[in-house]
């Protein structure tokens, strides 16, 4: 009985750890930097997909960005930086607005939503990020 209980407990612990690892949670500054690199690459591809009028690729890109920005929002919220978390929420909403515009064929709404998405990136970088030598960015010292 005791061995069985120990096995069940071990299974629960392993399942919990796997769940956390697969959740895509951003738990460190290194994870955050990796997520931002993914955001940059995805946003760049999204702009190209918009120019090519590739609706399926645009929908895939906006879904990925919305998910990434939800994770970014969680990172900032966990570090008690509510203004940055709010910017991430705005970015996720802008990505979803692009999705909505494509799905409803309201093409006149795509460019403003794209610009709003880019604006959230710019405002967050201005307030919370700084360039590093060799390219890229990091969280400004003292923010976290």
C-alpha atoms as a PDB file:
ATOM      1  CA  UNK A   1       0.000   0.000   0.000  1.00  0.00           C
ATOM      2  CA  UNK A   2       2.761   2.385   0.913  1.00  0.00           C
ATOM      3  CA  UNK A   3       4.668   1.587  -2.270  1.00  0.00           C
ATOM      4  CA  UNK A   4       1.521   2.149  -4.337  1.00  0.00           C
ATOM      5  CA  UNK A   5       0.952   5.533  -2.702  1.00  0.00           C
ATOM      6  CA  UNK A   6       4.559   6.513  -3.362  1.00  0.00           C
ATOM      7  CA  UNK A   7       4.226   5.526  -7.039  1.00  0.00           C
ATOM      8  CA  UNK A   8       1.042   7.587  -7.419  1.00  0.00           C
ATOM      9  CA  UNK A   9       2.675  10.578  -5.766  1.00  0.00           C
ATOM     10  CA  UNK A  10       5.737  10.265  -8.019  1.00  0.00           C
ATOM     11  CA  UNK A  11       3.465  10.113 -11.055  1.00  0.00           C
ATOM     12  CA  UNK A  12       1.668  13.266 -10.022  1.00  0.00           C
ATOM     13  CA  UNK A  13       4.959  15.114  -9.537  1.00  0.00           C
ATOM     14  CA  UNK A  14       6.286  14.015 -12.932  1.00  0.00           C
ATOM     15  CA  UNK A  15       3.021  14.922 -14.672  1.00  0.00           C
ATOM     16  CA  UNK A  16       3.073  18.359 -13.049  1.00  0.00           C
ATOM     17  CA  UNK A  17       6.641  19.026 -14.150  1.00  0.00           C
ATOM     18  CA  UNK A  18       5.906  17.916 -17.705  1.00  0.00           C
ATOM     19  CA  UNK A  19       2.819  20.120 -17.761  1.00  0.00           C
ATOM     20  CA  UNK A  20       4.823  23.151 -16.685  1.00  0.00           C
ATOM     21  CA  UNK A  21       7.519  22.444 -19.260  1.00  0.00           C
ATOM     22  CA  UNK A  22       4.943  22.117 -22.030  1.00  0.00           C
ATOM     23  CA  UNK A  23       2.908  25.138 -20.964  1.00  0.00           C
ATOM     24  CA  UNK A  24       5.220  27.557 -22.706  1.00  0.00           C
ATOM     25  CA  UNK A  25       5.427  29.625 -19.544  1.00  0.00           C
ATOM     26  CA  UNK A  26       8.086  32.318 -19.570  1.00  0.00           C
ATOM     27  CA  UNK A  27       9.717  31.942 -16.193  1.00  0.00           C
ATOM     28  CA  UNK A  28      13.113  33.589 -16.609  1.00  0.00           C
ATOM     29  CA  UNK A  29      14.724  36.501 -18.357  1.00  0.00           C
ATOM     30  CA  UNK A  30      16.397  34.038 -20.746  1.00  0.00           C
ATOM     31  CA  UNK A  31      12.977  32.582 -21.611  1.00  0.00           C
ATOM     32  CA  UNK A  32      11.691  36.119 -22.104  1.00  0.00           C
ATOM     33  CA  UNK A  33      14.539  37.002 -24.457  1.00  0.00           C
ATOM     34  CA  UNK A  34      13.904  33.827 -26.456  1.00  0.00           C
ATOM     35  CA  UNK A  35      10.201  34.655 -26.663  1.00  0.00           C
ATOM     36  CA  UNK A  36      10.988  38.177 -27.868  1.00  0.00           C
ATOM     37  CA  UNK A  37      13.227  36.778 -30.601  1.00  0.00           C
ATOM     38  CA  UNK A  38      10.364  34.529 -31.632  1.00  0.00           C
ATOM     39  CA  UNK A  39       7.981  37.503 -31.592  1.00  0.00           C
ATOM     40  CA  UNK A  40      10.341  39.470 -33.839  1.00  0.00           C
ATOM     41  CA  UNK A  41      10.733  36.653 -36.333  1.00  0.00           C
ATOM     42  CA  UNK A  42       7.006  35.900 -36.343  1.00  0.00           C
ATOM     43  CA  UNK A  43       6.041  39.554 -36.764  1.00  0.00           C
ATOM     44  CA  UNK A  44       8.500  39.915 -39.641  1.00  0.00           C
ATOM     45  CA  UNK A  45       7.057  36.843 -41.346  1.00  0.00           C
ATOM     46  CA  UNK A  46       3.542  38.120 -40.659  1.00  0.00           C
ATOM     47  CA  UNK A  47       4.232  41.383 -42.472  1.00  0.00           C
ATOM     48  CA  UNK A  48       5.563  39.436 -45.460  1.00  0.00           C
ATOM     49  CA  UNK A  49       2.546  37.125 -45.383  1.00  0.00           C
ATOM     50  CA  UNK A  50       0.251  40.162 -45.334  1.00  0.00           C
ATOM     51  CA  UNK A  51       2.011  41.634 -48.364  1.00  0.00           C
ATOM     52  CA  UNK A  52       1.686  38.289 -50.148  1.00  0.00           C
ATOM     53  CA  UNK A  53      -1.996  38.136 -49.128  1.00  0.00           C
ATOM     54  CA  UNK A  54      -1.466  34.646 -47.712  1.00  0.00           C
ATOM     55  CA  UNK A  55      -4.488  34.424 -45.432  1.00  0.00           C
ATOM     56  CA  UNK A  56      -3.641  31.035 -43.929  1.00  0.00           C
ATOM     57  CA  UNK A  57      -0.120  32.115 -43.044  1.00  0.00           C
ATOM     58  CA  UNK A  58      -1.439  35.383 -41.581  1.00  0.00           C
ATOM     59  CA  UNK A  59      -3.891  33.471 -39.399  1.00  0.00           C
ATOM     60  CA  UNK A  60      -1.152  31.108 -38.220  1.00  0.00           C
ATOM     61  CA  UNK A  61       1.159  34.033 -37.452  1.00  0.00           C
ATOM     62  CA  UNK A  62      -1.429  36.016 -35.525  1.00  0.00           C
ATOM     63  CA  UNK A  63      -2.413  32.947 -33.502  1.00  0.00           C
ATOM     64  CA  UNK A  64       1.232  32.386 -32.607  1.00  0.00           C
ATOM     65  CA  UNK A  65       1.725  36.043 -31.673  1.00  0.00           C
ATOM     66  CA  UNK A  66      -1.417  36.113 -29.525  1.00  0.00           C
ATOM     67  CA  UNK A  67      -0.158  33.044 -27.662  1.00  0.00           C
ATOM     68  CA  UNK A  68       3.330  34.487 -27.229  1.00  0.00           C
ATOM     69  CA  UNK A  69       1.979  37.788 -25.935  1.00  0.00           C
ATOM     70  CA  UNK A  70      -0.258  35.986 -23.458  1.00  0.00           C
ATOM     71  CA  UNK A  71       2.876  34.287 -22.140  1.00  0.00           C
ATOM     72  CA  UNK A  72       4.687  37.643 -22.074  1.00  0.00           C
ATOM     73  CA  UNK A  73       1.769  39.123 -20.132  1.00  0.00           C
ATOM     74  CA  UNK A  74       2.163  36.334 -17.572  1.00  0.00           C
ATOM     75  CA  UNK A  75       5.896  37.011 -17.278  1.00  0.00           C
ATOM     76  CA  UNK A  76       5.373  40.706 -16.554  1.00  0.00           C
ATOM     77  CA  UNK A  77       2.466  40.025 -14.196  1.00  0.00           C
ATOM     78  CA  UNK A  78       4.586  37.519 -12.254  1.00  0.00           C
ATOM     79  CA  UNK A  79       7.261  40.211 -11.842  1.00  0.00           C
ATOM     80  CA  UNK A  80       4.676  42.773 -10.699  1.00  0.00           C
ATOM     81  CA  UNK A  81       5.140  45.133 -13.653  1.00  0.00           C
ATOM     82  CA  UNK A  82       1.467  45.820 -14.469  1.00  0.00           C
ATOM     83  CA  UNK A  83       2.082  48.470 -17.139  1.00  0.00           C
ATOM     84  CA  UNK A  84       4.251  46.056 -19.154  1.00  0.00           C
ATOM     85  CA  UNK A  85       1.662  43.307 -18.643  1.00  0.00           C
ATOM     86  CA  UNK A  86      -0.989  45.671 -20.002  1.00  0.00           C
ATOM     87  CA  UNK A  87       1.128  46.372 -23.090  1.00  0.00           C
ATOM     88  CA  UNK A  88       1.451  42.628 -23.690  1.00  0.00           C
ATOM     89  CA  UNK A  89      -2.313  42.276 -23.359  1.00  0.00           C
ATOM     90  CA  UNK A  90      -2.779  45.061 -25.931  1.00  0.00           C
ATOM     91  CA  UNK A  91      -0.385  43.251 -28.274  1.00  0.00           C
ATOM     92  CA  UNK A  92      -2.320  39.982 -27.966  1.00  0.00           C
ATOM     93  CA  UNK A  93      -5.553  41.881 -28.642  1.00  0.00           C
ATOM     94  CA  UNK A  94      -4.031  43.537 -31.727  1.00  0.00           C
ATOM     95  CA  UNK A  95      -2.944  40.136 -33.047  1.00  0.00           C
ATOM     96  CA  UNK A  96      -6.472  38.822 -32.500  1.00  0.00           C
ATOM     97  CA  UNK A  97      -7.869  41.917 -34.265  1.00  0.00           C
ATOM     98  CA  UNK A  98      -5.835  40.992 -37.340  1.00  0.00           C
ATOM     99  CA  UNK A  99      -7.232  37.463 -37.133  1.00  0.00           C
ATOM    100  CA  UNK A 100     -10.757  38.822 -36.878  1.00  0.00           C
ATOM    101  CA  UNK A 101     -10.260  41.192 -39.810  1.00  0.00           C
ATOM    102  CA  UNK A 102      -8.932  38.411 -42.031  1.00  0.00           C
ATOM    103  CA  UNK A 103     -11.658  35.977 -41.030  1.00  0.00           C
ATOM    104  CA  UNK A 104     -14.430  38.536 -41.626  1.00  0.00           C
ATOM    105  CA  UNK A 105     -12.714  39.872 -44.762  1.00  0.00           C
ATOM    106  CA  UNK A 106     -12.656  43.360 -43.256  1.00  0.00           C
ATOM    107  CA  UNK A 107      -9.390  44.060 -45.017  1.00  0.00           C
ATOM    108  CA  UNK A 108      -9.462  47.803 -44.220  1.00  0.00           C
ATOM    109  CA  UNK A 109      -8.996  46.856 -40.542  1.00  0.00           C
ATOM    110  CA  UNK A 110      -5.810  44.838 -41.070  1.00  0.00           C
ATOM    111  CA  UNK A 111      -3.314  47.701 -41.463  1.00  0.00           C
ATOM    112  CA  UNK A 112      -4.527  49.620 -38.374  1.00  0.00           C
ATOM    113  CA  UNK A 113      -4.373  46.428 -36.281  1.00  0.00           C
ATOM    114  CA  UNK A 114      -0.892  45.656 -37.635  1.00  0.00           C
ATOM    115  CA  UNK A 115       0.226  49.193 -36.785  1.00  0.00           C
ATOM    116  CA  UNK A 116      -1.270  48.881 -33.288  1.00  0.00           C
ATOM    117  CA  UNK A 117       0.648  45.632 -32.806  1.00  0.00           C
ATOM    118  CA  UNK A 118       3.899  47.245 -33.910  1.00  0.00           C
ATOM    119  CA  UNK A 119       3.172  50.205 -31.659  1.00  0.00           C
ATOM    120  CA  UNK A 120       2.896  47.976 -28.605  1.00  0.00           C
ATOM    121  CA  UNK A 121       6.307  46.528 -29.378  1.00  0.00           C
ATOM    122  CA  UNK A 122       7.775  50.005 -29.713  1.00  0.00           C
ATOM    123  CA  UNK A 123       6.232  51.330 -26.500  1.00  0.00           C
ATOM    124  CA  UNK A 124       7.418  48.322 -24.494  1.00  0.00           C
ATOM    125  CA  UNK A 125      10.925  48.570 -25.919  1.00  0.00           C
ATOM    126  CA  UNK A 126      11.045  52.288 -25.143  1.00  0.00           C
ATOM    127  CA  UNK A 127      10.039  51.736 -21.539  1.00  0.00           C
ATOM    128  CA  UNK A 128      11.440  48.317 -20.550  1.00  0.00           C
ATOM    129  CA  UNK A 129      14.088  47.172 -23.030  1.00  0.00           C
ATOM    130  CA  UNK A 130      17.479  48.420 -24.140  1.00  0.00           C
ATOM    131  CA  UNK A 131      19.762  47.437 -27.011  1.00  0.00           C
ATOM    132  CA  UNK A 132      22.812  45.316 -26.341  1.00  0.00           C
ATOM    133  CA  UNK A 133      26.128  45.248 -28.187  1.00  0.00           C
ATOM    134  CA  UNK A 134      26.030  42.866 -31.091  1.00  0.00           C
ATOM    135  CA  UNK A 135      22.317  43.348 -31.692  1.00  0.00           C
ATOM    136  CA  UNK A 136      19.244  42.399 -29.772  1.00  0.00           C
ATOM    137  CA  UNK A 137      17.740  43.745 -26.604  1.00  0.00           C
ATOM    138  CA  UNK A 138      17.562  43.022 -22.895  1.00  0.00           C
ATOM    139  CA  UNK A 139      15.328  44.069 -20.044  1.00  0.00           C
ATOM    140  CA  UNK A 140      16.564  47.367 -18.644  1.00  0.00           C
ATOM    141  CA  UNK A 141      18.364  46.987 -15.314  1.00  0.00           C
ATOM    142  CA  UNK A 142      16.118  47.622 -12.334  1.00  0.00           C
ATOM    143  CA  UNK A 143      12.873  46.791 -14.156  1.00  0.00           C
ATOM    144  CA  UNK A 144      12.559  43.271 -12.730  1.00  0.00           C
END
